[in-house]
Amino acid sequence: MKNPETIAGKPKKHKIVVALLFISLLLALVWYFQHHASQKAVTGRAIERIPVSVALVSKSAVRDSFSTVGTVEAFREADIFSESTGLVRKVSAEPGSPKKAGDVLFVVDDELATARKRKADAHYRQAKRDVERYKNLFREGAVALSAYESVQLQLEEAEAEFIAANRKYSDTRVKAPFSGIVTSRFVEQGELVQEGKKVAQMVDMMKVKVIIFVPEREIVKFAEGALLTVTSDLYPGEAFSGKVSSVSNKAGRDHTFRVEVVLQNPEKSVFRSGMFARVILKGNEDRQAVLVPRVALVSGIRNPELFVVRNGKAFLKPFVAGMELQKQLEVLSGLSEGEQVVTSGQNELHDGVDVVIIDQKKNPTAP
C-alpha cells in the first residue's frame, strides 16, 4: 500500500515543472523579441543610408566659347502679289526655278493698260510740242503770258497721266523683286486675279541666316560683325564662316536674345531653309576654371542646384553657373575644388539625408 505522503507530493512536483517550463518559455520569447528588434534597428539604419555616386569638383583649362543649335532661314523671303486685275495671260514662275531681279513671272491682261499708255504718250508728246511753240510765240510777243502758262499746265497734266498710265501698264507684269528661287505658285494661266492677290512666293538662298537664341549671360560675347563658325550634321567635318548680322535688344520670356548669323550658301554643301545648324563662338586663349558635371544638377540651368556630400550626409547647395560645356558646367561661385557632388541617386535625396558612397570619379570628363 502506497504512502499517502508520496501520493500528495506528486502534484507539487508537477506544478514546479510546469512553472519552470513557463518561465523558460517567457525568457526565450523575451530573448527572441530583443534580438529581432536589434536586428531590425540595424537593418533600418542601413536602409536609411541612401547609396549614391559622386564626382569631385575639379579645375581644368577651358577656352571661352559658346555653342548652340539654330534654324536656317532664307536671307530674304517674300510673298508676291498682283497689282492689277485681269486674266493671267502668261506664266513664267515654275516652283524651283531661279529668277533674277526684274524677271517677269506673270503677265496679266494688258489690253486696256496698253491703250491707256499709248493715249497718254500721245497727249504728252503733243503737250511738249505745244509748249515749245507757245514759248517761241511768247518771245516774239505773239501770245500773252497767260496763254503760255496755260499750255505749261497742260504739259504737267499730260506728264502726270503718262506716268500713271505707264505704272498701270507695268503693274500687268508681275516681276521678281530680287534674285532668288520661286518656291510656290498660287495661280495658273487663264485664271482671273484681283489686285492684291498673292500669286507666288520667292526666297533668296544665295546667303542664309541661322537664327539662334543666346542666354543673357552669354550675349555680351555677341556683337554685330563678329565672326563665328557654323557646322551641320549633314556635312560632318566641314566648317563654314558666318558673321553676326543683328542682335536683339529685347529678351524673350526665357531670358534669351535672338541673334542672326549670316553666311554665304556654299554651292556643294547647300543649306536649305528649315535645316538645323550649330553655331560656335570660339575664344582666343585658355584659362583655368572650376568645373562640375552637368549630370549633378537637380534643377534647371537658370537656378542650378546640386547635392554635396560631407561627413556621410548630402546637402542641397545652389551655385552660380558660368559657361556651358558639353558635359560640364563652369562654377563661378558656390563650390570649391575637391568637393564631392552627387552624380547618381539625386532623386532619392533630401537636404541632410545620410548617404553611402558606392562609386566615386576622381577626374570628370575633360571639356
Protein backbone atom coordinates (compact mmCIF):
# COMPACT_ATOMS: atom_id res chain seq x y z
CA MET A 1 0.00 0.00 0.00
CA LYS A 2 1.37 3.44 -1.08
CA ASN A 3 2.39 6.08 1.35
CA PRO A 4 -0.16 8.96 1.45
CA GLU A 5 2.65 11.49 1.72
CA THR A 6 4.16 10.20 -1.51
CA ILE A 7 0.87 10.46 -3.29
CA ALA A 8 0.33 14.00 -2.06
CA GLY A 9 3.86 15.15 -3.18
CA LYS A 10 3.43 14.26 -6.85
CA PRO A 11 1.12 17.18 -7.69
CA LYS A 12 3.61 19.60 -6.13
CA LYS A 13 6.43 18.31 -8.37
CA HIS A 14 4.26 18.66 -11.48
CA LYS A 15 3.44 22.24 -10.57
CA ILE A 16 7.12 23.07 -10.16
CA VAL A 17 7.99 21.52 -13.54
CA VAL A 18 5.21 23.42 -15.28
CA ALA A 19 6.29 26.65 -13.63
CA LEU A 20 9.89 26.12 -14.72
CA LEU A 21 8.79 25.38 -18.28
CA PHE A 22 6.62 28.51 -18.34
CA ILE A 23 9.47 30.69 -17.05
CA SER A 24 11.84 29.21 -19.66
CA LEU A 25 9.32 29.94 -22.42
CA LEU A 26 8.95 33.53 -21.25
CA LEU A 27 12.72 34.00 -21.21
CA ALA A 28 13.01 32.55 -24.73
CA LEU A 29 10.31 34.87 -26.01
CA VAL A 30 11.95 37.91 -24.41
CA TRP A 31 15.33 37.00 -25.90
CA TYR A 32 13.79 36.45 -29.36
CA PHE A 33 11.98 39.77 -29.46
CA GLN A 34 15.00 41.67 -28.16
CA HIS A 35 17.29 40.07 -30.75
CA HIS A 36 14.77 40.63 -33.57
CA ALA A 37 14.30 44.26 -32.56
CA SER A 38 18.05 44.91 -32.51
CA GLN A 39 18.46 43.35 -35.96
CA LYS A 40 15.57 45.41 -37.30
CA ALA A 41 17.11 48.58 -35.89
CA VAL A 42 20.43 47.77 -37.56
CA THR A 43 18.67 46.97 -40.82
CA GLY A 44 16.62 50.18 -40.56
CA ARG A 45 19.75 52.23 -40.01
CA ALA A 46 21.35 50.60 -43.08
CA ILE A 47 18.31 51.30 -45.21
CA GLU A 48 18.25 54.96 -44.16
CA ARG A 49 21.69 55.48 -45.77
CA ILE A 50 20.97 56.02 -49.47
CA PRO A 51 23.61 54.76 -51.95
CA VAL A 52 24.95 57.46 -54.30
CA SER A 53 27.68 58.00 -56.87
CA VAL A 54 29.82 61.10 -56.60
CA ALA A 55 32.41 63.06 -58.56
CA LEU A 56 34.96 65.62 -57.48
CA VAL A 57 34.69 69.27 -58.40
CA SER A 58 37.81 69.86 -60.50
CA LYS A 59 39.83 72.61 -62.09
CA SER A 60 40.72 72.47 -65.76
CA ALA A 61 41.83 74.63 -68.67
CA VAL A 62 38.92 75.91 -70.76
CA ARG A 63 38.51 78.35 -73.61
CA ASP A 64 35.70 80.89 -73.54
CA SER A 65 33.38 79.55 -76.20
CA PHE A 66 29.70 79.08 -76.82
CA SER A 67 27.86 76.54 -78.92
CA THR A 68 24.16 76.26 -79.72
CA VAL A 69 21.87 74.88 -82.40
CA GLY A 70 19.85 77.24 -84.58
CA THR A 71 17.46 77.13 -87.52
CA VAL A 72 18.47 78.03 -91.06
CA GLU A 73 16.29 80.60 -92.85
CA ALA A 74 16.46 82.21 -96.26
CA PHE A 75 18.34 85.51 -96.38
CA ARG A 76 15.27 87.08 -97.98
CA GLU A 77 11.77 85.72 -98.39
CA ALA A 78 8.82 87.46 -100.00
CA ASP A 79 5.20 86.86 -100.91
CA ILE A 80 4.48 88.32 -104.37
CA PHE A 81 1.12 89.98 -105.07
CA SER A 82 -0.63 91.09 -108.24
CA GLU A 83 -1.03 94.87 -108.55
CA SER A 84 -3.50 94.55 -111.42
CA THR A 85 -6.90 92.96 -112.06
CA GLY A 86 -7.47 90.70 -115.06
CA LEU A 87 -6.87 87.30 -116.60
CA VAL A 88 -3.42 85.73 -116.32
CA ARG A 89 -2.15 85.59 -119.91
CA LYS A 90 1.32 84.14 -119.31
CA VAL A 91 3.05 82.23 -116.50
CA SER A 92 6.84 82.06 -116.14
CA ALA A 93 7.12 81.07 -112.49
CA GLU A 94 7.68 77.36 -112.10
CA PRO A 95 8.38 76.30 -108.48
CA GLY A 96 12.10 75.68 -108.06
CA SER A 97 13.13 77.85 -111.00
CA PRO A 98 15.80 80.54 -110.41
CA LYS A 99 14.93 84.12 -111.29
CA LYS A 100 16.87 87.36 -111.49
CA ALA A 101 15.64 90.62 -110.07
CA GLY A 102 13.16 92.16 -112.54
CA ASP A 103 12.34 88.95 -114.42
CA VAL A 104 8.65 88.72 -115.41
CA LEU A 105 6.81 85.98 -113.52
CA PHE A 106 3.24 86.61 -114.70
CA VAL A 107 1.58 88.72 -117.40
CA VAL A 108 -1.94 89.88 -116.55
CA ASP A 109 -4.36 91.03 -119.30
CA ASP A 110 -2.80 94.31 -120.55
CA GLU A 111 -5.00 95.31 -123.49
CA LEU A 112 -6.69 98.26 -121.76
CA ALA A 113 -3.47 99.26 -119.97
CA THR A 114 -1.62 99.31 -123.31
CA ALA A 115 -4.30 101.51 -124.90
CA ARG A 116 -4.21 103.97 -121.99
CA LYS A 117 -0.45 104.08 -122.18
CA ARG A 118 -0.49 104.91 -125.92
CA LYS A 119 -3.13 107.61 -125.40
CA ALA A 120 -1.21 109.18 -122.53
CA ASP A 121 2.00 109.04 -124.51
CA ALA A 122 0.36 110.84 -127.46
CA HIS A 123 -1.05 113.57 -125.20
CA TYR A 124 2.28 114.02 -123.50
CA ARG A 125 4.18 114.38 -126.77
CA GLN A 126 1.55 116.83 -128.11
CA ALA A 127 1.71 118.89 -124.92
CA LYS A 128 5.51 119.16 -125.19
CA ARG A 129 5.22 120.38 -128.78
CA ASP A 130 2.57 122.95 -127.77
CA VAL A 131 4.82 124.30 -125.03
CA GLU A 132 7.75 124.72 -127.43
CA ARG A 133 5.53 126.51 -129.97
CA TYR A 134 3.96 128.87 -127.41
CA LYS A 135 7.37 129.54 -125.93
CA ASN A 136 8.65 130.87 -129.29
CA LEU A 137 5.44 132.85 -129.84
CA PHE A 138 5.68 134.38 -126.39
CA ARG A 139 9.27 135.51 -127.05
CA GLU A 140 8.07 137.23 -130.25
CA GLY A 141 5.14 138.82 -128.41
CA ALA A 142 2.56 136.96 -130.47
CA VAL A 143 0.76 135.40 -127.48
CA ALA A 144 0.01 136.57 -123.98
CA LEU A 145 1.77 135.23 -120.86
CA SER A 146 -1.47 133.65 -119.64
CA ALA A 147 -1.76 131.54 -122.82
CA TYR A 148 1.85 130.35 -122.43
CA GLU A 149 1.27 129.44 -118.76
CA SER A 150 -1.91 127.56 -119.72
CA VAL A 151 -0.08 125.23 -122.12
CA GLN A 152 2.61 124.67 -119.46
CA LEU A 153 -0.08 123.45 -117.05
CA GLN A 154 -1.47 121.20 -119.77
CA LEU A 155 2.03 119.68 -120.16
CA GLU A 156 2.23 118.95 -116.45
CA GLU A 157 -1.18 117.26 -116.53
CA ALA A 158 -0.19 115.20 -119.58
CA GLU A 159 3.05 114.16 -117.88
CA ALA A 160 1.16 113.01 -114.78
CA GLU A 161 -1.27 111.00 -116.92
CA PHE A 162 1.65 109.48 -118.83
CA ILE A 163 3.36 108.38 -115.58
CA ALA A 164 0.11 106.88 -114.22
CA ALA A 165 -0.60 105.03 -117.47
CA ASN A 166 2.93 103.60 -117.55
CA ARG A 167 2.57 102.45 -113.96
CA LYS A 168 -0.71 100.72 -114.74
CA TYR A 169 0.90 99.01 -117.72
CA SER A 170 3.90 97.97 -115.62
CA ASP A 171 1.56 96.51 -112.99
CA THR A 172 0.31 93.99 -115.54
CA ARG A 173 3.81 92.46 -115.39
CA VAL A 174 4.41 90.73 -112.05
CA LYS A 175 8.19 90.77 -111.61
CA ALA A 176 10.71 89.16 -109.29
CA PRO A 177 11.64 91.66 -106.52
CA PHE A 178 15.11 90.12 -106.09
CA SER A 179 17.26 87.32 -107.44
CA GLY A 180 16.20 84.02 -105.95
CA ILE A 181 14.18 80.83 -106.26
CA VAL A 182 10.44 80.51 -106.82
CA THR A 183 9.15 78.29 -104.02
CA SER A 184 5.40 78.43 -104.63
CA ARG A 185 2.92 79.49 -107.33
CA PHE A 186 -0.73 80.12 -106.49
CA VAL A 187 -2.35 80.97 -109.88
CA GLU A 188 -2.48 79.37 -113.32
CA GLN A 189 -2.72 80.72 -116.86
CA GLY A 190 -6.26 81.87 -117.67
CA GLU A 191 -7.18 82.42 -114.03
CA LEU A 192 -8.77 85.73 -113.03
CA VAL A 193 -6.77 87.60 -110.40
CA GLN A 194 -7.73 90.64 -108.39
CA GLU A 195 -5.47 93.47 -107.32
CA GLY A 196 -3.74 92.42 -104.08
CA LYS A 197 -3.99 88.66 -104.67
CA LYS A 198 -0.93 86.58 -103.67
CA VAL A 199 0.38 84.86 -106.79
CA ALA A 200 3.78 83.43 -105.81
CA GLN A 201 6.49 83.19 -103.20
CA MET A 202 10.27 83.58 -103.59
CA VAL A 203 13.33 83.10 -101.42
CA ASP A 204 16.91 84.32 -101.77
CA MET A 205 19.23 81.44 -100.85
CA MET A 206 22.50 82.93 -102.11
CA LYS A 207 23.00 83.75 -98.45
CA VAL A 208 21.29 82.15 -95.46
CA LYS A 209 20.56 83.23 -91.91
CA VAL A 210 20.99 80.98 -88.90
CA ILE A 211 18.65 82.09 -86.11
CA ILE A 212 19.94 81.30 -82.61
CA PHE A 213 18.80 82.26 -79.11
CA VAL A 214 21.57 83.21 -76.69
CA PRO A 215 21.23 83.26 -72.86
CA GLU A 216 21.69 86.64 -71.21
CA ARG A 217 24.94 85.62 -69.51
CA GLU A 218 26.47 84.90 -72.95
CA ILE A 219 25.01 87.77 -75.00
CA VAL A 220 27.92 90.12 -74.22
CA LYS A 221 30.11 87.90 -76.41
CA PHE A 222 27.97 88.60 -79.47
CA ALA A 223 28.35 91.85 -81.39
CA GLU A 224 27.41 92.79 -84.93
CA GLY A 225 30.20 91.78 -87.30
CA ALA A 226 31.64 89.08 -85.00
CA LEU A 227 32.91 86.01 -86.90
CA LEU A 228 31.53 82.61 -85.94
CA THR A 229 31.85 79.00 -87.08
CA VAL A 230 28.82 77.15 -88.46
CA THR A 231 28.62 73.35 -88.79
CA SER A 232 25.95 70.85 -89.77
CA ASP A 233 25.42 67.16 -89.06
CA LEU A 234 24.64 66.72 -92.77
CA TYR A 235 28.19 67.78 -93.67
CA PRO A 236 30.45 66.22 -91.00
CA GLY A 237 33.97 67.56 -90.87
CA GLU A 238 33.08 70.77 -92.72
CA ALA A 239 33.10 74.20 -91.10
CA PHE A 240 31.64 77.39 -92.57
CA SER A 241 32.30 81.01 -91.69
CA GLY A 242 29.40 83.16 -90.52
CA LYS A 243 29.01 86.72 -89.30
CA VAL A 244 26.62 88.19 -86.73
CA SER A 245 24.23 90.46 -88.64
CA SER A 246 21.89 91.51 -85.85
CA VAL A 247 21.41 91.11 -82.09
CA SER A 248 18.03 91.71 -80.49
CA ASN A 249 17.88 94.35 -77.76
CA LYS A 250 14.95 92.63 -76.02
CA ALA A 251 14.97 89.22 -74.37
CA GLY A 252 12.12 86.74 -74.50
CA ARG A 253 10.33 85.23 -71.53
CA ASP A 254 13.07 82.62 -71.25
CA HIS A 255 15.73 85.36 -70.95
CA THR A 256 17.32 84.62 -74.30
CA PHE A 257 18.14 87.05 -77.10
CA ARG A 258 17.54 86.47 -80.82
CA VAL A 259 20.74 86.59 -82.87
CA GLU A 260 21.02 86.32 -86.67
CA VAL A 261 24.16 84.83 -88.22
CA VAL A 262 24.63 85.30 -91.99
CA LEU A 263 26.81 83.12 -94.22
CA GLN A 264 27.26 82.52 -97.92
CA ASN A 265 25.37 79.43 -99.04
CA PRO A 266 28.06 77.09 -100.44
CA GLU A 267 27.45 75.52 -103.83
CA LYS A 268 28.38 71.98 -102.80
CA SER A 269 27.21 71.80 -99.18
CA VAL A 270 23.91 73.60 -99.64
CA PHE A 271 21.94 74.85 -96.65
CA ARG A 272 18.17 74.83 -97.05
CA SER A 273 15.55 76.80 -95.19
CA GLY A 274 14.34 74.93 -92.10
CA MET A 275 17.53 72.90 -91.56
CA PHE A 276 19.37 72.79 -88.23
CA ALA A 277 22.91 74.15 -87.90
CA ARG A 278 25.30 74.55 -84.98
CA VAL A 279 26.85 77.95 -84.32
CA ILE A 280 30.15 78.01 -82.42
CA LEU A 281 31.83 81.04 -80.87
CA LYS A 282 35.47 80.25 -80.02
CA GLY A 283 37.66 82.18 -77.59
CA ASN A 284 41.27 83.10 -78.19
CA GLU A 285 43.04 81.93 -75.02
CA ASP A 286 42.75 79.14 -72.43
CA ARG A 287 42.10 79.86 -68.75
CA GLN A 288 41.63 77.83 -65.56
CA ALA A 289 38.06 77.23 -64.44
CA VAL A 290 36.25 75.22 -61.75
CA LEU A 291 34.07 72.55 -63.40
CA VAL A 292 31.23 70.33 -62.25
CA PRO A 293 29.47 67.51 -64.18
CA ARG A 294 26.14 68.55 -65.74
CA VAL A 295 24.53 65.30 -64.53
CA ALA A 296 24.88 66.53 -60.95
CA LEU A 297 22.20 69.18 -61.48
CA VAL A 298 18.87 68.61 -59.74
CA SER A 299 17.19 71.71 -61.19
CA GLY A 300 17.34 73.81 -64.34
CA ILE A 301 20.34 75.77 -65.52
CA ARG A 302 18.63 79.06 -64.64
CA ASN A 303 18.67 78.18 -60.91
CA PRO A 304 21.36 75.50 -60.63
CA GLU A 305 21.47 73.29 -57.51
CA LEU A 306 23.16 70.01 -56.62
CA PHE A 307 23.88 67.77 -53.64
CA VAL A 308 27.26 67.98 -51.89
CA VAL A 309 28.40 65.04 -49.69
CA ARG A 310 30.05 65.92 -46.37
CA ASN A 311 30.64 63.55 -43.44
CA GLY A 312 28.26 60.93 -44.80
CA LYS A 313 25.40 63.36 -45.42
CA ALA A 314 24.08 65.01 -48.58
CA PHE A 315 23.34 68.73 -48.54
CA LEU A 316 21.46 70.62 -51.26
CA LYS A 317 23.56 73.57 -52.41
CA PRO A 318 22.91 76.28 -55.00
CA PHE A 319 25.76 77.71 -57.06
CA VAL A 320 26.38 80.26 -59.79
CA ALA A 321 26.96 78.66 -63.21
CA GLY A 322 29.06 80.16 -65.95
CA MET A 323 29.96 78.76 -69.35
CA GLU A 324 28.15 75.63 -70.54
CA LEU A 325 30.32 72.85 -71.91
CA GLN A 326 29.17 69.59 -73.46
CA LYS A 327 29.19 67.50 -70.26
CA GLN A 328 30.24 70.07 -67.67
CA LEU A 329 29.37 73.47 -66.26
CA GLU A 330 31.70 76.20 -65.14
CA VAL A 331 31.27 77.19 -61.49
CA LEU A 332 31.61 80.92 -60.85
CA SER A 333 30.86 80.70 -57.12
CA GLY A 334 29.30 78.40 -54.51
CA LEU A 335 31.55 75.34 -54.92
CA SER A 336 35.23 74.65 -54.30
CA GLU A 337 37.70 72.33 -55.99
CA GLY A 338 37.74 68.87 -54.41
CA GLU A 339 34.18 68.86 -53.08
CA GLN A 340 32.13 65.71 -53.66
CA VAL A 341 28.93 66.21 -55.68
CA VAL A 342 26.27 63.55 -56.23
CA THR A 343 26.03 62.40 -59.86
CA SER A 344 23.63 59.47 -59.40
CA GLY A 345 20.81 58.88 -56.93
CA GLN A 346 19.73 62.52 -56.53
CA ASN A 347 16.04 61.67 -56.95
CA GLU A 348 16.02 59.84 -53.59
CA LEU A 349 17.78 62.59 -51.65
CA HIS A 350 16.68 65.47 -49.48
CA ASP A 351 18.72 68.03 -47.62
CA GLY A 352 20.72 66.47 -44.76
CA VAL A 353 19.95 62.80 -45.51
CA ASP A 354 22.50 60.07 -44.70
CA VAL A 355 24.21 58.57 -47.76
CA VAL A 356 26.76 55.89 -48.56
CA ILE A 357 29.15 56.37 -51.50
CA ILE A 358 29.22 53.40 -53.85
CA ASP A 359 31.21 54.97 -56.68
CA GLN A 360 33.49 57.99 -57.00
CA LYS A 361 35.03 59.54 -60.08
CA LYS A 362 38.22 61.41 -59.33
CA ASN A 363 38.58 63.16 -62.67
CA PRO A 364 35.46 64.26 -64.56
CA THR A 365 35.46 64.06 -68.31
CA ALA A 366 37.56 66.81 -69.83
CA PRO A 367 35.65 69.54 -71.71
